[in-house]
């Protein structure tokens, strides 16, 4: 297949490029930075208005695209609402405008579980309104709506949890790993009982590949991808400490966390694309070997 990945130089995009090339696909990257592992790499800021004409011209000289994977995004952090809106919503609209003359056979749009607002009804399913008002989440939800309302067909939206893996560096699990390696103390707010949904990035790569191949009946699909069960921060810390053979003390403190309990119902992705999350300790072992092949479980 001929596959275009936006954000091909990013954390997920780089992994996708590598995995798809290993399977014999031709990978074209469009990203703000060069994607050295792609077959064809173009530096392009999709949030600029002139990117539409630039991308249209590029696509005219290429083989027809089988799949476009929209993995470009501005991640959570500092920034004005307009910054998130340009990167996560406007850039999606410009991408779709550029694809109008050469539509791919399917579009896979990577979104986030952050679109969900706080709820006591867990696991959260795709039918729950996506109504978070935080700038990152709101801009990602708008990006979803733009993709789903486009003329392209089919459109598959995958809502992803927090991801970890070598090269990420700022996720919940990445922070715990640094603590474990240093044998420092784990300090877990909400008495370690906060429920969080996380995956090693390799599971997401598998989900994207499955979304590329499954038989399609409808024009649009929205699917949650996640760990599939309620895992507390205490369980994460205990599992990571065990796998990393860490001497870190685990301290649960009665201080509210700045997140809320969240994990996703993944039954739709399980049924439609055969998604199966990797067991927690197995994923952490894979992560350990990525970080340092010489570190082994004791």
Protein backbone atom coordinates (compact mmCIF):
# COMPACT_ATOMS: atom_id res chain seq x y z
CA UNK A 1 0.00 0.00 0.00
CA UNK A 2 0.93 3.65 -0.43
CA UNK A 3 0.49 5.30 2.97
CA UNK A 4 0.70 8.99 3.84
CA UNK A 5 1.42 9.79 7.48
CA UNK A 6 1.07 13.32 8.81
CA UNK A 7 3.34 13.96 11.75
CA UNK A 8 5.61 11.23 10.40
CA UNK A 9 8.59 12.57 12.37
CA UNK A 10 6.74 12.44 15.69
CA UNK A 11 6.64 9.80 18.41
CA UNK A 12 3.78 7.75 16.92
CA UNK A 13 4.58 8.68 13.32
CA UNK A 14 8.15 7.40 13.50
CA UNK A 15 7.02 4.07 14.95
CA UNK A 16 4.30 3.75 12.34
CA UNK A 17 6.72 4.48 9.52
CA UNK A 18 9.13 1.82 10.72
CA UNK A 19 6.41 -0.81 11.21
CA UNK A 20 4.70 -0.20 7.86
CA UNK A 21 7.96 -0.22 5.90
CA UNK A 22 8.86 -3.55 7.51
CA UNK A 23 5.61 -4.91 6.03
CA UNK A 24 6.50 -3.66 2.56
CA UNK A 25 4.33 -0.54 2.40
CA UNK A 26 5.54 2.68 0.79
CA UNK A 27 5.45 5.45 3.41
CA UNK A 28 5.21 9.15 2.62
CA UNK A 29 5.68 11.55 5.53
CA UNK A 30 4.38 15.09 5.83
CA UNK A 31 5.69 16.71 8.98
CA UNK A 32 7.28 19.86 10.36
CA UNK A 33 10.55 17.91 10.62
CA UNK A 34 12.27 15.49 8.29
CA UNK A 35 11.18 11.86 8.76
CA UNK A 36 14.40 10.07 7.91
CA UNK A 37 12.88 6.58 7.89
CA UNK A 38 10.10 7.38 5.40
CA UNK A 39 10.44 6.51 1.72
CA UNK A 40 9.47 10.08 0.86
CA UNK A 41 9.62 12.91 3.40
CA UNK A 42 8.31 16.46 2.99
CA UNK A 43 8.68 19.22 5.56
CA UNK A 44 5.35 20.99 5.73
CA UNK A 45 3.40 22.83 8.41
CA UNK A 46 -0.19 21.76 7.78
CA UNK A 47 -1.57 24.57 9.95
CA UNK A 48 -0.50 27.16 7.34
CA UNK A 49 -3.06 28.15 4.73
CA UNK A 50 -0.57 27.73 1.90
CA UNK A 51 -0.07 24.07 2.87
CA UNK A 52 -3.24 23.16 0.92
CA UNK A 53 -1.79 24.13 -2.46
CA UNK A 54 1.63 22.75 -1.55
CA UNK A 55 0.27 19.34 -0.56
CA UNK A 56 -2.05 19.19 -3.58
CA UNK A 57 0.94 19.74 -5.86
CA UNK A 58 2.95 17.06 -4.07
CA UNK A 59 0.16 14.50 -4.31
CA UNK A 60 -0.30 15.00 -8.06
CA UNK A 61 3.17 13.61 -8.65
CA UNK A 62 2.75 10.56 -6.42
CA UNK A 63 1.08 7.16 -6.76
CA UNK A 64 -2.51 7.04 -5.57
CA UNK A 65 -2.79 6.86 -1.78
CA UNK A 66 -4.38 3.82 -0.23
CA UNK A 67 -4.39 5.12 3.35
CA UNK A 68 -3.83 8.48 5.03
CA UNK A 69 -3.02 8.35 8.75
CA UNK A 70 -3.46 11.73 10.43
CA UNK A 71 -1.06 11.45 13.36
CA UNK A 72 0.05 15.10 13.50
CA UNK A 73 -0.97 16.91 16.67
CA UNK A 74 0.02 19.48 19.24
CA UNK A 75 0.33 17.58 22.50
CA UNK A 76 -1.00 18.72 25.92
CA UNK A 77 1.04 21.41 27.62
CA UNK A 78 1.51 25.15 27.54
CA UNK A 79 -0.02 27.18 24.75
CA UNK A 80 -2.93 29.37 23.81
CA UNK A 81 -6.24 27.85 22.75
CA UNK A 82 -5.56 29.20 19.25
CA UNK A 83 -2.28 27.24 19.12
CA UNK A 84 -4.08 23.97 19.82
CA UNK A 85 -6.92 24.84 17.44
CA UNK A 86 -4.52 25.53 14.54
CA UNK A 87 -2.52 22.34 15.05
CA UNK A 88 -5.31 19.89 15.92
CA UNK A 89 -8.33 21.21 14.04
CA UNK A 90 -7.39 23.73 11.35
CA UNK A 91 -4.52 21.53 10.12
CA UNK A 92 -6.98 18.64 9.77
CA UNK A 93 -9.30 20.80 7.68
CA UNK A 94 -6.43 21.87 5.44
CA UNK A 95 -5.31 18.25 5.03
CA UNK A 96 -8.80 17.23 3.92
CA UNK A 97 -8.98 20.14 1.48
CA UNK A 98 -5.67 19.05 -0.01
CA UNK A 99 -6.91 15.48 -0.42
CA UNK A 100 -10.11 16.50 -2.20
CA UNK A 101 -8.75 15.90 -5.73
CA UNK A 102 -6.89 12.68 -4.83
CA UNK A 103 -8.94 11.04 -2.05
CA UNK A 104 -7.36 8.01 -0.36
CA UNK A 105 -9.20 4.71 0.02
CA UNK A 106 -9.48 5.31 3.77
CA UNK A 107 -8.53 7.93 6.36
CA UNK A 108 -7.40 6.97 9.87
CA UNK A 109 -7.54 9.93 12.25
CA UNK A 110 -5.74 9.57 15.60
CA UNK A 111 -7.56 11.27 18.46
CA UNK A 112 -7.52 10.96 22.24
CA UNK A 113 -9.54 9.71 25.21
CA UNK A 114 -9.02 13.22 26.62
CA UNK A 115 -12.13 14.28 24.69
CA UNK A 116 -14.20 12.63 27.44
CA UNK A 117 -15.29 14.71 30.41
CA UNK A 118 -15.37 13.39 33.97
CA UNK A 119 -17.95 10.67 34.56
CA UNK A 120 -18.86 8.06 37.15
CA UNK A 121 -19.96 5.64 34.42
CA UNK A 122 -16.85 3.62 33.62
CA UNK A 123 -15.67 2.26 31.30
CA UNK A 124 -16.51 5.16 29.01
CA UNK A 125 -17.90 4.16 25.62
CA UNK A 126 -17.83 5.96 22.29
CA UNK A 127 -21.53 6.80 22.77
CA UNK A 128 -20.73 9.13 25.67
CA UNK A 129 -20.67 12.78 24.56
CA UNK A 130 -17.14 14.06 24.06
CA UNK A 131 -17.36 17.32 25.94
CA UNK A 132 -14.07 18.15 27.68
CA UNK A 133 -13.39 21.89 27.58
CA UNK A 134 -9.60 21.79 28.07
CA UNK A 135 -7.81 23.38 25.08
CA UNK A 136 -6.03 20.21 23.94
CA UNK A 137 -9.12 18.01 24.31
CA UNK A 138 -11.51 20.52 22.74
CA UNK A 139 -9.23 21.03 19.74
CA UNK A 140 -8.85 17.26 19.26
CA UNK A 141 -12.62 16.83 19.42
CA UNK A 142 -13.05 19.54 16.78
CA UNK A 143 -10.48 17.75 14.64
CA UNK A 144 -12.55 14.56 14.95
CA UNK A 145 -15.71 16.37 13.88
CA UNK A 146 -13.97 17.88 10.86
CA UNK A 147 -12.64 14.47 9.79
CA UNK A 148 -15.98 12.72 10.28
CA UNK A 149 -17.86 15.45 8.37
CA UNK A 150 -15.51 15.34 5.39
CA UNK A 151 -16.35 13.98 1.97
CA UNK A 152 -13.76 11.24 2.39
CA UNK A 153 -15.04 7.74 3.00
CA UNK A 154 -14.43 5.76 5.05
CA UNK A 155 -13.07 7.72 8.02
CA UNK A 156 -11.85 5.82 11.10
CA UNK A 157 -11.24 7.74 14.33
CA UNK A 158 -9.16 6.01 17.00
CA UNK A 159 -9.34 7.54 20.48
CA UNK A 160 -6.06 6.76 22.20
CA UNK A 161 -5.06 6.77 25.88
CA UNK A 162 -1.83 8.10 27.36
CA UNK A 163 1.07 6.43 25.53
CA UNK A 164 4.53 5.45 26.68
CA UNK A 165 7.67 4.14 25.03
CA UNK A 166 11.24 5.16 24.36
CA UNK A 167 11.25 8.64 22.90
CA UNK A 168 8.06 9.86 24.59
CA UNK A 169 9.49 11.11 27.87
CA UNK A 170 6.62 13.06 29.42
CA UNK A 171 3.80 10.58 30.04
CA UNK A 172 2.66 9.15 33.37
CA UNK A 173 4.48 5.84 32.83
CA UNK A 174 7.63 7.56 31.56
CA UNK A 175 7.76 9.56 34.80
CA UNK A 176 7.28 6.45 36.90
CA UNK A 177 10.04 4.69 34.96
CA UNK A 178 12.56 7.46 35.67
CA UNK A 179 11.66 7.22 39.36
CA UNK A 180 12.04 3.43 39.34
CA UNK A 181 15.42 3.50 37.62
CA UNK A 182 16.70 6.08 40.12
CA UNK A 183 15.24 4.04 43.04
CA UNK A 184 13.48 7.20 44.22
CA UNK A 185 10.16 7.20 46.07
CA UNK A 186 6.90 6.85 44.15
CA UNK A 187 4.48 9.45 45.56
CA UNK A 188 0.97 8.62 44.41
CA UNK A 189 -1.83 11.11 44.93
CA UNK A 190 -5.43 10.06 45.70
CA UNK A 191 -3.97 7.26 47.83
CA UNK A 192 -2.83 5.51 44.67
CA UNK A 193 -6.42 4.74 43.69
CA UNK A 194 -6.71 6.98 40.62
CA UNK A 195 -7.69 4.92 37.57
CA UNK A 196 -5.70 5.67 34.42
CA UNK A 197 -5.71 4.23 30.90
CA UNK A 198 -2.29 3.79 29.31
CA UNK A 199 -0.72 1.70 26.54
CA UNK A 200 2.73 1.02 25.21
CA UNK A 201 2.94 2.66 21.80
CA UNK A 202 3.39 -0.73 20.11
CA UNK A 203 -0.25 -1.58 20.89
CA UNK A 204 -1.37 1.57 19.09
CA UNK A 205 0.78 0.70 16.08
CA UNK A 206 -0.99 -2.69 16.00
CA UNK A 207 -4.39 -1.00 16.24
CA UNK A 208 -3.60 1.32 13.32
CA UNK A 209 -2.42 -1.59 11.17
CA UNK A 210 -5.61 -3.48 12.04
CA UNK A 211 -7.68 -0.41 11.10
CA UNK A 212 -5.92 -0.35 7.72
CA UNK A 213 -7.00 -3.90 6.91
CA UNK A 214 -10.47 -4.57 8.30
CA UNK A 215 -13.51 -4.88 6.05
CA UNK A 216 -15.65 -1.76 5.89
CA UNK A 217 -19.42 -1.45 5.78
CA UNK A 218 -20.05 2.06 7.13
CA UNK A 219 -18.77 5.48 6.11
CA UNK A 220 -17.46 6.49 9.55
CA UNK A 221 -16.18 4.69 12.64
CA UNK A 222 -15.16 5.92 16.10
CA UNK A 223 -13.31 3.43 18.33
CA UNK A 224 -11.66 3.57 21.72
CA UNK A 225 -8.25 1.96 22.08
CA UNK A 226 -6.97 1.31 25.60
CA UNK A 227 -5.89 -1.14 28.27
CA UNK A 228 -9.45 -2.48 28.66
CA UNK A 229 -9.63 -2.67 32.47
CA UNK A 230 -9.46 -0.35 35.50
CA UNK A 231 -5.81 -0.04 36.54
CA UNK A 232 -4.95 2.19 39.49
CA UNK A 233 -1.80 4.25 39.77
CA UNK A 234 -0.80 1.96 42.66
CA UNK A 235 -1.01 -1.11 40.40
CA UNK A 236 1.04 0.65 37.73
CA UNK A 237 3.71 1.57 40.29
CA UNK A 238 3.81 -1.93 41.75
CA UNK A 239 4.05 -3.59 38.33
CA UNK A 240 6.71 -1.19 37.10
CA UNK A 241 8.74 -1.58 40.29
CA UNK A 242 8.62 -5.36 39.90
CA UNK A 243 9.55 -5.40 36.20
CA UNK A 244 12.31 -2.81 36.62
CA UNK A 245 13.62 -4.57 39.74
CA UNK A 246 13.47 -1.21 41.51
CA UNK A 247 14.06 -0.52 45.19
CA UNK A 248 11.72 2.48 45.09
CA UNK A 249 9.39 2.93 48.05
CA UNK A 250 5.73 3.39 47.12
CA UNK A 251 4.06 6.13 49.17
CA UNK A 252 0.31 6.72 48.75
CA UNK A 253 -0.73 10.18 49.91
CA UNK A 254 -4.15 11.61 50.68
CA UNK A 255 -3.87 14.47 48.23
CA UNK A 256 -6.21 14.86 45.25
CA UNK A 257 -4.73 14.27 41.81
CA UNK A 258 -5.33 16.79 39.04
CA UNK A 259 -6.84 14.05 36.83
CA UNK A 260 -10.04 12.06 37.19
CA UNK A 261 -10.74 8.33 36.93
CA UNK A 262 -10.90 7.24 33.30
CA UNK A 263 -10.60 4.08 31.28
CA UNK A 264 -12.28 3.23 28.00
CA UNK A 265 -14.65 0.56 26.79
CA UNK A 266 -12.68 -1.09 23.97
CA UNK A 267 -15.29 -3.69 22.99
CA UNK A 268 -15.98 -2.02 19.64
CA UNK A 269 -12.31 -2.09 18.61
CA UNK A 270 -12.07 -5.68 19.83
CA UNK A 271 -15.06 -6.69 17.72
CA UNK A 272 -14.36 -4.70 14.56
CA UNK A 273 -10.58 -4.80 14.17
CA UNK A 274 -9.56 -7.55 16.59
CA UNK A 275 -7.66 -5.21 18.91
CA UNK A 276 -6.18 -6.88 21.99
CA UNK A 277 -4.10 -4.86 24.48
CA UNK A 278 -0.89 -6.40 25.74
CA UNK A 279 -0.85 -7.44 29.41
CA UNK A 280 0.62 -4.72 31.65
CA UNK A 281 3.77 -6.47 32.84
CA UNK A 282 4.58 -7.70 29.35
CA UNK A 283 4.28 -4.15 28.02
CA UNK A 284 6.47 -2.79 30.80
CA UNK A 285 9.08 -5.46 30.10
CA UNK A 286 9.12 -4.37 26.45
CA UNK A 287 9.52 -0.77 27.59
CA UNK A 288 12.39 -1.70 29.90
CA UNK A 289 14.24 -3.43 27.08
CA UNK A 290 13.73 -0.35 24.89
CA UNK A 291 15.16 1.98 27.50
CA UNK A 292 18.19 -0.16 28.19
CA UNK A 293 18.74 -3.59 26.64
CA UNK A 294 21.20 -4.32 29.46
CA UNK A 295 18.57 -3.86 32.19
CA UNK A 296 16.86 -7.12 33.01
CA UNK A 297 14.22 -8.22 35.42
CA UNK A 298 15.79 -9.66 38.57
